[in-house]
Structures are given as C-alpha cells and as structure tokens.
C-alpha cells in the first residue's frame, strides 16, 4: 500500500517558522529541505518533522495540504497540532 503524506516542518533555527508540504517519501523530502534543495525553506535549516499525516488517497492528501495553507487551515494547525 502506498502512502501520501502531508507534513508540517518546524525550523530548528527559528522555532516560529513552519512549512507545510506534500510528498510520497517523507524521509527523502526532509533531507531535501535540509540540503537547501527547496528555495522556500533554505533560509531556516535545519528542519524537523512536527507533524505528518498519511493518506492512502492521493487526492485527499492534496486537498488536505491545500486546506492547511488557507487562513482557516493555519488556525487549525496552530490550535491542534
């Protein structure tokens, strides 16, 4: 069974910085962020995984990632995760 992950990273150098993303390979994606392969996260390395949610349905994972990036989703994240 293949999983699709929606993840929230937290910067270890600036604990107030978070990044929300989607991937099929969580550990590889974290390494990519920490190797400055993503311009959006390169300034705040190193990163750690704060939360990850696994989905078996890719569309639902992508919809959840999109939701977390909205104002309502950010409020949900800060309150519950």
N, C-alpha and C. Protein backbone atom coordinates (compact mmCIF):
# COMPACT_ATOMS: atom_id res chain seq x y z
N UNK A 1 0.85 -1.18 0.00
CA UNK A 1 0.00 0.00 0.00
C UNK A 1 0.89 1.24 0.00
N UNK A 2 0.59 2.16 -0.85
CA UNK A 2 1.35 3.40 -0.97
C UNK A 2 0.69 4.51 -0.15
N UNK A 3 1.52 5.26 0.57
CA UNK A 3 1.01 6.37 1.37
C UNK A 3 1.44 7.70 0.76
N UNK A 4 0.59 8.69 0.96
CA UNK A 4 0.84 10.07 0.55
C UNK A 4 0.81 10.90 1.83
N UNK A 5 1.85 11.68 2.06
CA UNK A 5 2.00 12.39 3.32
C UNK A 5 1.80 13.89 3.17
N UNK A 6 1.07 14.45 4.09
CA UNK A 6 1.02 15.90 4.27
C UNK A 6 1.80 16.13 5.55
N UNK A 7 2.78 17.02 5.47
CA UNK A 7 3.68 17.19 6.60
C UNK A 7 3.82 18.65 6.98
N UNK A 8 4.15 18.85 8.24
CA UNK A 8 4.46 20.19 8.75
C UNK A 8 5.86 20.12 9.32
N UNK A 9 6.73 20.96 8.80
CA UNK A 9 8.09 21.05 9.31
C UNK A 9 8.18 22.25 10.23
N UNK A 10 9.07 22.16 11.20
CA UNK A 10 9.37 23.27 12.08
C UNK A 10 10.87 23.52 12.01
N UNK A 11 11.23 24.76 11.86
CA UNK A 11 12.65 25.11 11.80
C UNK A 11 13.27 24.95 13.17
N UNK A 12 14.45 24.34 13.21
CA UNK A 12 15.17 24.20 14.47
C UNK A 12 15.96 25.48 14.78
N UNK A 13 16.22 26.29 13.77
CA UNK A 13 16.96 27.53 14.00
C UNK A 13 16.04 28.71 14.32
N UNK A 14 14.75 28.58 13.99
CA UNK A 14 13.76 29.62 14.25
C UNK A 14 12.43 28.90 14.52
N UNK A 15 12.17 28.57 15.77
CA UNK A 15 11.04 27.71 16.12
C UNK A 15 9.67 28.27 15.73
N UNK A 16 9.60 29.53 15.36
CA UNK A 16 8.34 30.12 14.93
C UNK A 16 8.07 29.92 13.44
N UNK A 17 9.00 29.29 12.73
CA UNK A 17 8.86 29.06 11.29
C UNK A 17 8.37 27.65 11.02
N UNK A 18 7.33 27.55 10.19
CA UNK A 18 6.76 26.27 9.82
C UNK A 18 6.64 26.20 8.30
N UNK A 19 6.61 24.99 7.79
CA UNK A 19 6.42 24.78 6.36
C UNK A 19 5.48 23.59 6.19
N UNK A 20 4.51 23.72 5.29
CA UNK A 20 3.54 22.66 5.02
C UNK A 20 3.80 22.14 3.62
N UNK A 21 3.84 20.81 3.49
CA UNK A 21 4.08 20.23 2.18
C UNK A 21 3.43 18.88 2.01
N UNK A 22 3.64 18.31 0.83
CA UNK A 22 3.08 17.01 0.45
C UNK A 22 4.19 16.20 -0.20
N UNK A 23 4.22 14.90 0.08
CA UNK A 23 5.21 14.02 -0.55
C UNK A 23 4.76 12.57 -0.46
N UNK A 24 5.40 11.74 -1.27
CA UNK A 24 5.20 10.30 -1.19
C UNK A 24 6.34 9.64 -0.41
N UNK A 25 7.43 10.38 -0.17
CA UNK A 25 8.60 9.85 0.53
C UNK A 25 9.05 10.88 1.57
N UNK A 26 8.56 10.71 2.77
CA UNK A 26 8.74 11.71 3.82
C UNK A 26 10.21 11.92 4.21
N UNK A 27 10.95 10.84 4.43
CA UNK A 27 12.34 10.99 4.86
C UNK A 27 13.21 11.63 3.77
N UNK A 28 12.99 11.24 2.55
CA UNK A 28 13.74 11.83 1.44
C UNK A 28 13.43 13.31 1.29
N UNK A 29 12.17 13.67 1.47
CA UNK A 29 11.76 15.08 1.35
C UNK A 29 12.37 15.92 2.46
N UNK A 30 12.42 15.39 3.68
CA UNK A 30 13.05 16.12 4.78
C UNK A 30 14.53 16.36 4.47
N UNK A 31 15.22 15.35 3.98
CA UNK A 31 16.63 15.51 3.61
C UNK A 31 16.79 16.58 2.54
N UNK A 32 15.88 16.59 1.58
CA UNK A 32 15.92 17.58 0.51
C UNK A 32 15.78 19.01 1.07
N UNK A 33 14.86 19.20 2.00
CA UNK A 33 14.71 20.51 2.63
C UNK A 33 15.98 20.91 3.37
N UNK A 34 16.56 19.98 4.08
CA UNK A 34 17.75 20.29 4.89
C UNK A 34 19.02 20.43 4.06
N UNK A 35 18.97 20.03 2.81
CA UNK A 35 20.11 20.21 1.90
C UNK A 35 19.92 21.45 1.01
N UNK A 36 18.99 22.30 1.39
CA UNK A 36 18.70 23.55 0.67
C UNK A 36 18.24 23.34 -0.76
N UNK A 37 17.53 22.24 -1.04
CA UNK A 37 17.02 21.97 -2.38
C UNK A 37 15.70 22.70 -2.64
N UNK A 38 15.10 23.26 -1.60
CA UNK A 38 13.83 23.97 -1.72
C UNK A 38 14.06 25.43 -1.33
N UNK A 39 13.84 26.34 -2.27
CA UNK A 39 14.12 27.75 -2.00
C UNK A 39 13.27 28.33 -0.88
N UNK A 40 12.08 27.77 -0.65
CA UNK A 40 11.18 28.30 0.37
C UNK A 40 11.65 27.96 1.79
N UNK A 41 12.48 26.96 1.94
CA UNK A 41 12.90 26.54 3.28
C UNK A 41 14.39 26.69 3.52
N UNK A 42 15.14 27.05 2.53
CA UNK A 42 16.61 27.05 2.65
C UNK A 42 17.16 28.02 3.70
N UNK A 43 16.46 29.11 3.96
CA UNK A 43 16.97 30.10 4.92
C UNK A 43 16.84 29.66 6.37
N UNK A 44 16.02 28.67 6.65
CA UNK A 44 15.73 28.32 8.04
C UNK A 44 16.12 26.90 8.41
N UNK A 45 17.11 26.33 7.71
CA UNK A 45 17.55 24.98 8.06
C UNK A 45 18.26 25.00 9.41
N UNK A 46 18.31 23.91 10.11
CA UNK A 46 17.71 22.62 9.79
C UNK A 46 16.23 22.57 10.17
N UNK A 47 15.53 21.65 9.54
CA UNK A 47 14.10 21.42 9.77
C UNK A 47 13.89 20.08 10.44
N UNK A 48 12.81 19.99 11.21
CA UNK A 48 12.40 18.70 11.78
C UNK A 48 10.92 18.51 11.47
N UNK A 49 10.49 17.27 11.45
CA UNK A 49 9.09 16.98 11.20
C UNK A 49 8.31 17.24 12.48
N UNK A 50 7.37 18.16 12.42
CA UNK A 50 6.50 18.47 13.56
C UNK A 50 5.30 17.53 13.56
N UNK A 51 4.68 17.37 12.39
CA UNK A 51 3.50 16.52 12.24
C UNK A 51 3.49 15.96 10.82
N UNK A 52 3.03 14.72 10.69
CA UNK A 52 2.84 14.13 9.37
C UNK A 52 1.56 13.29 9.41
N UNK A 53 0.76 13.41 8.38
CA UNK A 53 -0.47 12.65 8.27
C UNK A 53 -0.39 11.82 7.00
N UNK A 54 -0.61 10.52 7.12
CA UNK A 54 -0.54 9.62 5.98
C UNK A 54 -1.93 9.36 5.42
N UNK A 55 -2.04 9.42 4.10
CA UNK A 55 -3.28 9.16 3.39
C UNK A 55 -3.04 8.03 2.39
N UNK A 56 -4.04 7.22 2.15
CA UNK A 56 -3.96 6.23 1.07
C UNK A 56 -4.52 6.81 -0.22
N UNK A 57 -5.27 7.89 -0.12
CA UNK A 57 -5.88 8.55 -1.28
C UNK A 57 -5.10 9.83 -1.59
N UNK A 58 -4.44 9.85 -2.74
CA UNK A 58 -3.61 11.00 -3.11
C UNK A 58 -4.41 12.29 -3.20
N UNK A 59 -5.59 12.23 -3.75
CA UNK A 59 -6.42 13.44 -3.90
C UNK A 59 -6.79 14.02 -2.54
N UNK A 60 -7.13 13.17 -1.59
CA UNK A 60 -7.46 13.65 -0.25
C UNK A 60 -6.24 14.28 0.43
N UNK A 61 -5.07 13.71 0.20
CA UNK A 61 -3.85 14.28 0.76
C UNK A 61 -3.61 15.67 0.18
N UNK A 62 -3.74 15.79 -1.11
CA UNK A 62 -3.51 17.09 -1.75
C UNK A 62 -4.55 18.12 -1.31
N UNK A 63 -5.78 17.69 -1.14
CA UNK A 63 -6.83 18.60 -0.65
C UNK A 63 -6.52 19.06 0.78
N UNK A 64 -6.03 18.15 1.62
CA UNK A 64 -5.70 18.50 3.00
C UNK A 64 -4.54 19.48 3.05
N UNK A 65 -3.53 19.25 2.21
CA UNK A 65 -2.40 20.20 2.14
C UNK A 65 -2.91 21.58 1.74
N UNK A 66 -3.75 21.62 0.73
CA UNK A 66 -4.30 22.90 0.26
C UNK A 66 -5.08 23.60 1.38
N UNK A 67 -5.88 22.82 2.12
CA UNK A 67 -6.63 23.38 3.25
C UNK A 67 -5.69 23.95 4.31
N UNK A 68 -4.65 23.21 4.67
CA UNK A 68 -3.73 23.69 5.72
C UNK A 68 -3.05 25.00 5.34
N UNK A 69 -2.96 25.29 4.06
CA UNK A 69 -2.31 26.52 3.61
C UNK A 69 -3.27 27.71 3.54
N UNK A 70 -4.54 27.49 3.90
CA UNK A 70 -5.51 28.59 3.96
C UNK A 70 -5.45 29.22 5.35
N UNK A 71 -6.09 30.36 5.52
CA UNK A 71 -6.14 31.02 6.83
C UNK A 71 -6.81 30.10 7.86
N UNK A 72 -7.89 29.47 7.48
CA UNK A 72 -8.59 28.55 8.37
C UNK A 72 -7.71 27.35 8.73
N UNK A 73 -7.00 26.84 7.75
CA UNK A 73 -6.11 25.71 7.97
C UNK A 73 -4.94 26.06 8.87
N UNK A 74 -4.39 27.26 8.71
CA UNK A 74 -3.29 27.69 9.60
C UNK A 74 -3.78 27.82 11.02
N UNK A 75 -5.00 28.34 11.21
CA UNK A 75 -5.57 28.46 12.56
C UNK A 75 -5.76 27.06 13.16
N UNK A 76 -6.28 26.12 12.36
CA UNK A 76 -6.45 24.74 12.81
C UNK A 76 -5.10 24.15 13.23
N UNK A 77 -4.09 24.37 12.42
CA UNK A 77 -2.76 23.85 12.71
C UNK A 77 -2.21 24.37 14.02
N UNK A 78 -2.29 25.67 14.22
CA UNK A 78 -1.75 26.26 15.43
C UNK A 78 -2.51 25.84 16.68
N UNK A 79 -3.79 25.60 16.54
CA UNK A 79 -4.60 25.24 17.69
C UNK A 79 -4.48 23.76 18.05
N UNK A 80 -4.37 22.90 17.03
CA UNK A 80 -4.46 21.46 17.29
C UNK A 80 -3.19 20.66 17.07
N UNK A 81 -2.28 21.17 16.29
CA UNK A 81 -1.09 20.38 16.00
C UNK A 81 0.11 21.03 16.65
